């Protein structure tokens, strides 16, 4: 098993290195020159948008925890630290694994957050991202496949309409997910009883607690609405981050195309499993840009800048948040922002 895992890891990271080398090759000398002379004001704005993006993700995680587990105290600072750590871990692991496992694991280690609860909240976020991407990818598909020549403006208008329509759809859908998971947990309880497990009683108790938690959350639609809205906000913040990044390096990439392409990339990253989503992210953006006549070297330069700034921005923000947490007394760090959602949905 260890040898097989070592082979898989070697192939995965070898593929990752190959993708980076391919981007460098496709970028060429002119593209590399652009990367060495950015507009620092636009790059700073890209960094600022990255901070806001992480803030939205952290707030979403707080909302998810508040919705599912009202008695679980999670401060905004802790949620921000877990989120930025998860994004940093996603640069090495897959994006999905970094946020799904890295975030609750570090919060369990640092703040004593229940790993079971943290994992389920993260899983629910992934469900929102997946369903949202499936809905929002439609305008780009129509733009790329329409024989009548749908314009970017028309595709963007359709994206705005679907974005607004998706909020009540997802807010109604999410409690159904909790209900389905509660039924599933109740259904497998008898099976657990029959299995020859040493820790069978502990597993049974955990499943019963899981089902009871979801029963309390299933009828609360107010926080489900907030979770969906924040998921939509982070899409626009990511688009803003990428827009300022393209401006910083003078890439001629239309902002409408960036916004239309985000759901395509997000869908690929939700389903991807490579470190940092490498290969998946590149293929997704090439798909988005190539149909609009953007030169290959520009796309490669953009992707290289995106990768480089990811490795610069996310660890820097994580380090800053960790330093701020250390500077605060432990009680202040735990309580800071912990009451933001008091009374929601009650």
Protein backbone atom coordinates (compact mmCIF):
# COMPACT_ATOMS: atom_id res chain seq x y z
CA UNK A 1 0.00 0.00 0.00
CA UNK A 2 2.81 2.42 0.91
CA UNK A 3 4.62 1.70 -2.36
CA UNK A 4 1.46 2.22 -4.35
CA UNK A 5 0.81 5.52 -2.56
CA UNK A 6 4.41 6.60 -3.21
CA UNK A 7 3.98 5.86 -6.92
CA UNK A 8 0.70 7.78 -7.08
CA UNK A 9 2.27 10.75 -5.25
CA UNK A 10 5.30 10.71 -7.55
CA UNK A 11 3.08 10.67 -10.66
CA UNK A 12 0.82 13.39 -9.27
CA UNK A 13 3.61 15.80 -8.36
CA UNK A 14 5.50 14.93 -11.54
CA UNK A 15 2.39 15.92 -13.49
CA UNK A 16 2.16 19.16 -11.50
CA UNK A 17 5.75 20.08 -12.32
CA UNK A 18 5.12 19.25 -15.98
CA UNK A 19 2.14 21.61 -16.07
CA UNK A 20 4.18 24.48 -14.58
CA UNK A 21 7.02 23.89 -17.05
CA UNK A 22 4.51 23.83 -19.90
CA UNK A 23 3.10 27.17 -18.76
CA UNK A 24 6.59 28.68 -18.63
CA UNK A 25 7.31 27.37 -22.13
CA UNK A 26 4.01 28.69 -23.57
CA UNK A 27 4.46 32.06 -21.85
CA UNK A 28 7.64 32.83 -23.78
CA UNK A 29 10.10 35.63 -23.17
CA UNK A 30 7.62 38.47 -23.69
CA UNK A 31 5.16 36.95 -21.23
CA UNK A 32 7.88 36.43 -18.65
CA UNK A 33 8.92 40.06 -19.08
CA UNK A 34 5.34 41.13 -18.27
CA UNK A 35 5.44 39.05 -15.09
CA UNK A 36 8.54 40.87 -13.88
CA UNK A 37 7.09 44.37 -14.27
CA UNK A 38 3.61 44.46 -12.70
CA UNK A 39 1.52 47.47 -11.81
CA UNK A 40 1.95 47.37 -8.05
CA UNK A 41 -1.26 49.29 -7.31
CA UNK A 42 -3.37 46.76 -9.22
CA UNK A 43 -1.44 43.89 -7.64
CA UNK A 44 -2.16 45.35 -4.21
CA UNK A 45 -5.85 45.55 -5.13
CA UNK A 46 -5.72 41.89 -6.18
CA UNK A 47 -4.26 41.05 -2.77
CA UNK A 48 -6.99 43.09 -1.06
CA UNK A 49 -9.68 41.26 -3.05
CA UNK A 50 -8.08 37.99 -1.97
CA UNK A 51 -8.44 39.07 1.67
CA UNK A 52 -12.11 39.92 1.08
CA UNK A 53 -12.58 36.58 -0.68
CA UNK A 54 -11.21 34.74 2.36
CA UNK A 55 -13.33 36.91 4.66
CA UNK A 56 -16.45 35.86 2.74
CA UNK A 57 -15.43 32.20 2.96
CA UNK A 58 -14.76 32.51 6.69
CA UNK A 59 -18.10 34.22 7.26
CA UNK A 60 -19.80 31.47 5.25
CA UNK A 61 -18.18 28.81 7.44
CA UNK A 62 -19.37 30.65 10.54
CA UNK A 63 -22.90 30.75 9.12
CA UNK A 64 -22.77 27.03 8.30
CA UNK A 65 -21.59 26.18 11.82
CA UNK A 66 -24.18 28.49 13.40
CA UNK A 67 -26.93 26.92 11.27
CA UNK A 68 -25.97 23.31 11.92
CA UNK A 69 -24.63 23.58 15.46
CA UNK A 70 -25.97 26.64 17.33
CA UNK A 71 -24.14 25.69 20.52
CA UNK A 72 -20.73 25.48 18.82
CA UNK A 73 -18.80 28.72 19.38
CA UNK A 74 -16.62 29.68 16.43
CA UNK A 75 -15.17 33.19 16.26
CA UNK A 76 -14.69 34.96 12.96
CA UNK A 77 -10.94 35.18 13.54
CA UNK A 78 -10.76 31.41 14.04
CA UNK A 79 -12.91 30.82 10.95
CA UNK A 80 -10.64 33.13 8.94
CA UNK A 81 -7.54 31.33 10.17
CA UNK A 82 -9.01 27.93 9.34
CA UNK A 83 -10.13 29.13 5.92
CA UNK A 84 -6.80 30.69 4.95
CA UNK A 85 -4.95 27.62 6.28
CA UNK A 86 -7.24 25.39 4.22
CA UNK A 87 -6.58 27.43 1.08
CA UNK A 88 -2.84 27.26 1.74
CA UNK A 89 -3.07 23.49 2.26
CA UNK A 90 -4.98 23.35 -1.02
CA UNK A 91 -1.87 24.61 -2.83
CA UNK A 92 -0.17 21.33 -1.93
CA UNK A 93 -3.13 18.99 -1.57
CA UNK A 94 -6.20 19.17 -3.77
CA UNK A 95 -8.35 22.27 -3.39
CA UNK A 96 -11.25 20.14 -2.19
CA UNK A 97 -9.17 18.23 0.37
CA UNK A 98 -7.49 21.41 1.64
CA UNK A 99 -10.80 23.09 2.47
CA UNK A 100 -12.69 19.91 3.37
CA UNK A 101 -10.07 18.46 5.73
CA UNK A 102 -7.42 21.13 6.35
CA UNK A 103 -9.80 23.74 7.73
CA UNK A 104 -11.64 21.59 10.33
CA UNK A 105 -8.42 19.76 11.24
CA UNK A 106 -6.52 22.95 12.14
CA UNK A 107 -9.54 24.31 14.03
CA UNK A 108 -9.76 21.03 15.94
CA UNK A 109 -6.06 21.28 16.83
CA UNK A 110 -6.04 24.99 17.73
CA UNK A 111 -9.55 25.71 19.05
CA UNK A 112 -10.92 22.28 19.98
CA UNK A 113 -13.67 22.42 17.33
CA UNK A 114 -15.44 19.09 16.87
CA UNK A 115 -13.87 17.43 13.84
CA UNK A 116 -17.12 15.65 12.98
CA UNK A 117 -19.07 18.90 13.02
CA UNK A 118 -16.36 20.82 11.17
CA UNK A 119 -16.16 18.18 8.45
CA UNK A 120 -19.90 18.17 7.87
CA UNK A 121 -20.04 21.97 7.68
CA UNK A 122 -17.20 21.89 5.12
CA UNK A 123 -18.97 19.14 3.18
CA UNK A 124 -22.13 21.23 3.05
CA UNK A 125 -20.10 24.13 1.65
CA UNK A 126 -18.91 21.81 -1.12
CA UNK A 127 -22.51 20.85 -1.90
CA UNK A 128 -23.36 24.56 -2.24
CA UNK A 129 -20.34 25.19 -4.50
CA UNK A 130 -21.18 22.21 -6.69
CA UNK A 131 -24.88 23.02 -7.16
CA UNK A 132 -24.08 26.71 -7.64
CA UNK A 133 -21.48 25.95 -10.31
CA UNK A 134 -23.85 23.63 -12.17
CA UNK A 135 -26.44 26.42 -12.31
CA UNK A 136 -24.07 29.30 -13.13
CA UNK A 137 -22.11 27.49 -15.82
CA UNK A 138 -25.12 27.64 -18.17
CA UNK A 139 -24.47 31.19 -19.55
CA UNK A 140 -20.91 30.28 -20.56
CA UNK A 141 -22.10 27.08 -22.26
CA UNK A 142 -24.68 29.06 -24.22
CA UNK A 143 -22.08 31.70 -25.11
CA UNK A 144 -19.64 29.09 -26.41
CA UNK A 145 -22.18 26.86 -28.18
CA UNK A 146 -24.83 29.28 -29.41
CA UNK A 147 -25.13 29.28 -33.19
CA UNK A 148 -26.98 32.61 -33.10
CA UNK A 149 -23.91 34.26 -31.61
CA UNK A 150 -24.98 35.16 -28.09
CA UNK A 151 -23.03 38.22 -26.99
CA UNK A 152 -21.05 38.49 -23.77
CA UNK A 153 -23.49 41.14 -22.57
CA UNK A 154 -26.44 38.78 -23.07
CA UNK A 155 -24.55 35.94 -21.36
CA UNK A 156 -23.69 38.25 -18.47
CA UNK A 157 -27.32 39.32 -18.10
CA UNK A 158 -28.32 35.65 -18.03
CA UNK A 159 -25.64 34.99 -15.39
CA UNK A 160 -27.04 37.77 -13.20
CA UNK A 161 -30.56 36.40 -13.58
CA UNK A 162 -29.52 32.83 -12.72
CA UNK A 163 -27.45 34.11 -9.80
CA UNK A 164 -30.48 35.80 -8.27
CA UNK A 165 -32.78 32.87 -9.05
CA UNK A 166 -30.33 30.37 -7.57
CA UNK A 167 -30.51 31.95 -4.10
CA UNK A 168 -34.04 30.81 -3.19
CA UNK A 169 -33.54 27.51 -5.06
CA UNK A 170 -30.45 26.61 -3.06
CA UNK A 171 -31.86 27.99 0.21
CA UNK A 172 -34.81 25.60 -0.19
CA UNK A 173 -32.58 22.75 -1.34
CA UNK A 174 -30.01 22.79 1.48
CA UNK A 175 -32.39 21.84 4.33
CA UNK A 176 -33.46 18.90 2.15
CA UNK A 177 -29.84 17.78 2.06
CA UNK A 178 -29.72 17.86 5.86
CA UNK A 179 -32.99 15.94 6.02
CA UNK A 180 -31.67 13.31 3.59
CA UNK A 181 -28.46 12.93 5.60
CA UNK A 182 -30.47 12.56 8.81
CA UNK A 183 -32.58 9.80 7.23
CA UNK A 184 -29.41 8.13 5.96
CA UNK A 185 -27.80 8.23 9.42
CA UNK A 186 -30.95 6.74 10.96
CA UNK A 187 -31.06 4.08 8.25
CA UNK A 188 -27.52 2.82 8.81
CA UNK A 189 -27.85 2.68 12.61
CA UNK A 190 -29.33 -0.86 12.52
CA UNK A 191 -26.52 -1.93 10.19
CA UNK A 192 -23.91 -0.64 12.63
CA UNK A 193 -25.53 -2.69 15.38
CA UNK A 194 -24.98 -5.87 13.35
CA UNK A 195 -21.35 -5.22 12.47
CA UNK A 196 -18.63 -6.90 14.57
CA UNK A 197 -16.95 -3.64 15.57
CA UNK A 198 -15.08 -3.06 18.83
CA UNK A 199 -16.12 0.58 19.10
CA UNK A 200 -19.67 -0.09 17.94
CA UNK A 201 -21.29 1.79 20.82
CA UNK A 202 -19.24 4.94 20.13
CA UNK A 203 -20.13 4.82 16.43
CA UNK A 204 -23.81 4.43 17.32
CA UNK A 205 -23.69 7.41 19.69
CA UNK A 206 -21.95 9.59 17.09
CA UNK A 207 -24.55 8.69 14.47
CA UNK A 208 -27.38 9.46 16.87
CA UNK A 209 -25.81 12.83 17.72
CA UNK A 210 -25.32 13.54 14.01
CA UNK A 211 -28.98 12.79 13.26
CA UNK A 212 -30.20 14.93 16.16
CA UNK A 213 -28.03 17.88 15.09
CA UNK A 214 -29.49 17.73 11.59
CA UNK A 215 -33.03 17.46 12.91
CA UNK A 216 -32.53 20.80 14.68
CA UNK A 217 -31.01 22.41 11.57
CA UNK A 218 -33.42 21.02 8.97
CA UNK A 219 -36.17 23.66 9.48
CA UNK A 220 -33.90 26.72 9.75
CA UNK A 221 -33.94 28.45 6.35
CA UNK A 222 -32.66 31.87 7.44
CA UNK A 223 -29.04 30.79 7.86
CA UNK A 224 -29.31 28.58 4.77
CA UNK A 225 -30.19 31.74 2.86
CA UNK A 226 -27.13 33.53 4.30
CA UNK A 227 -24.88 30.62 3.40
CA UNK A 228 -26.06 30.68 -0.23
CA UNK A 229 -25.72 34.47 -0.53
CA UNK A 230 -22.15 34.38 0.79
CA UNK A 231 -21.32 31.59 -1.67
CA UNK A 232 -22.46 33.89 -4.45
CA UNK A 233 -20.55 36.87 -3.03
CA UNK A 234 -17.28 34.93 -3.01
CA UNK A 235 -17.70 34.21 -6.75
CA UNK A 236 -17.80 37.94 -7.50
CA UNK A 237 -14.89 38.62 -5.15
CA UNK A 238 -12.81 35.99 -6.91
CA UNK A 239 -13.71 37.61 -10.23
CA UNK A 240 -12.54 40.95 -8.81
CA UNK A 241 -9.29 39.43 -7.63
CA UNK A 242 -8.61 37.96 -11.09
CA UNK A 243 -9.61 41.19 -12.85
CA UNK A 244 -7.07 43.25 -10.87
CA UNK A 245 -4.47 40.53 -11.40
CA UNK A 246 -4.98 40.74 -15.18
CA UNK A 247 -4.72 44.53 -14.96
CA UNK A 248 -1.53 44.30 -12.90
CA UNK A 249 0.22 42.36 -15.65
CA UNK A 250 -1.52 44.07 -18.60
CA UNK A 251 -3.31 40.95 -19.83
CA UNK A 252 -6.00 41.86 -22.40
CA UNK A 253 -8.70 39.71 -20.77
CA UNK A 254 -12.26 41.10 -20.75
CA UNK A 255 -13.79 41.30 -17.26
CA UNK A 256 -17.07 39.84 -18.55
CA UNK A 257 -15.23 36.71 -19.65
CA UNK A 258 -13.58 36.38 -16.24
CA UNK A 259 -16.95 36.50 -14.49
CA UNK A 260 -18.53 34.05 -16.93
CA UNK A 261 -15.57 31.70 -16.59
CA UNK A 262 -15.48 31.53 -12.77
CA UNK A 263 -18.31 28.92 -12.52
CA UNK A 264 -16.57 26.72 -15.11
CA UNK A 265 -13.33 26.80 -13.12
CA UNK A 266 -15.12 26.37 -9.80
CA UNK A 267 -16.94 23.31 -11.12
CA UNK A 268 -13.64 21.80 -12.24
CA UNK A 269 -11.97 22.53 -8.89
CA UNK A 270 -14.84 21.03 -6.88
CA UNK A 271 -14.44 17.80 -8.85
CA UNK A 272 -10.63 17.97 -9.14
CA UNK A 273 -8.19 16.00 -7.00
CA UNK A 274 -4.73 17.20 -8.07
CA UNK A 275 -2.52 19.40 -5.82
CA UNK A 276 -3.87 22.95 -6.01
CA UNK A 277 -6.26 21.77 -8.72
CA UNK A 278 -3.29 21.91 -11.10
CA UNK A 279 -4.15 20.78 -14.59
CA UNK A 280 -7.86 21.12 -13.86
CA UNK A 281 -7.65 24.87 -13.32
CA UNK A 282 -5.43 25.35 -16.37
CA UNK A 283 -7.68 23.27 -18.61
CA UNK A 284 -10.76 25.16 -17.38
CA UNK A 285 -9.31 28.60 -18.08
CA UNK A 286 -7.95 27.51 -21.46
CA UNK A 287 -11.47 26.31 -22.29
CA UNK A 288 -12.93 29.67 -21.26
CA UNK A 289 -10.38 31.90 -23.02
CA UNK A 290 -9.49 29.93 -26.15
CA UNK A 291 -12.99 30.20 -27.62
CA UNK A 292 -12.81 33.99 -27.38
CA UNK A 293 -9.61 34.29 -29.40
CA UNK A 294 -7.23 35.16 -26.56
CA UNK A 295 -3.68 34.09 -27.56
CA UNK A 296 -2.25 31.00 -25.92
CA UNK A 297 0.78 32.86 -24.57
CA UNK A 298 -1.51 35.37 -22.83
CA UNK A 299 -3.54 32.59 -21.23
CA UNK A 300 -0.34 30.82 -20.12
CA UNK A 301 1.06 34.06 -18.68
CA UNK A 302 -2.18 34.71 -16.82
CA UNK A 303 -2.21 31.18 -15.36
CA UNK A 304 1.43 31.44 -14.32
CA UNK A 305 0.75 34.75 -12.57
CA UNK A 306 -2.30 33.25 -10.90
CA UNK A 307 -0.25 30.32 -9.59
CA UNK A 308 2.57 32.53 -8.37
CA UNK A 309 0.28 34.95 -6.55
CA UNK A 310 -1.60 32.04 -4.97
CA UNK A 311 1.65 30.83 -3.44
CA UNK A 312 2.38 34.38 -2.30
CA UNK A 313 -1.03 35.60 -1.12
CA UNK A 314 -2.54 32.66 0.76
CA UNK A 315 0.46 31.77 2.97
CA UNK A 316 1.04 35.48 3.69
CA UNK A 317 -2.56 35.99 4.81
CA UNK A 318 -2.44 32.78 6.88
CA UNK A 319 0.74 33.97 8.58
CA UNK A 320 -0.74 37.41 9.30
CA UNK A 321 -3.92 35.94 10.78
CA UNK A 322 -1.91 33.44 12.86
CA UNK A 323 0.30 36.27 14.16
CA UNK A 324 -2.74 38.35 15.07
CA UNK A 325 -4.28 35.37 16.87
CA UNK A 326 -1.09 34.91 18.89
CA UNK A 327 -0.99 38.59 19.80
CA UNK A 328 -4.48 38.43 21.29
CA UNK A 329 -5.21 36.81 24.65
CA UNK A 330 -6.61 33.31 24.16
CA UNK A 331 -10.06 34.28 25.44
CA UNK A 332 -10.29 37.30 23.12
CA UNK A 333 -9.21 35.17 20.15
CA UNK A 334 -11.96 32.64 20.85
CA UNK A 335 -14.65 35.23 21.47
CA UNK A 336 -13.83 37.71 18.72
CA UNK A 337 -16.77 37.68 16.35
CA UNK A 338 -18.36 34.69 18.08
CA UNK A 339 -21.70 36.41 18.57
CA UNK A 340 -22.16 37.75 15.04
CA UNK A 341 -25.14 35.49 14.33
CA UNK A 342 -26.88 35.54 17.65
CA UNK A 343 -30.59 35.34 17.07
CA UNK A 344 -30.44 34.45 13.38
CA UNK A 345 -33.20 32.11 12.35
CA UNK A 346 -34.84 32.14 15.76
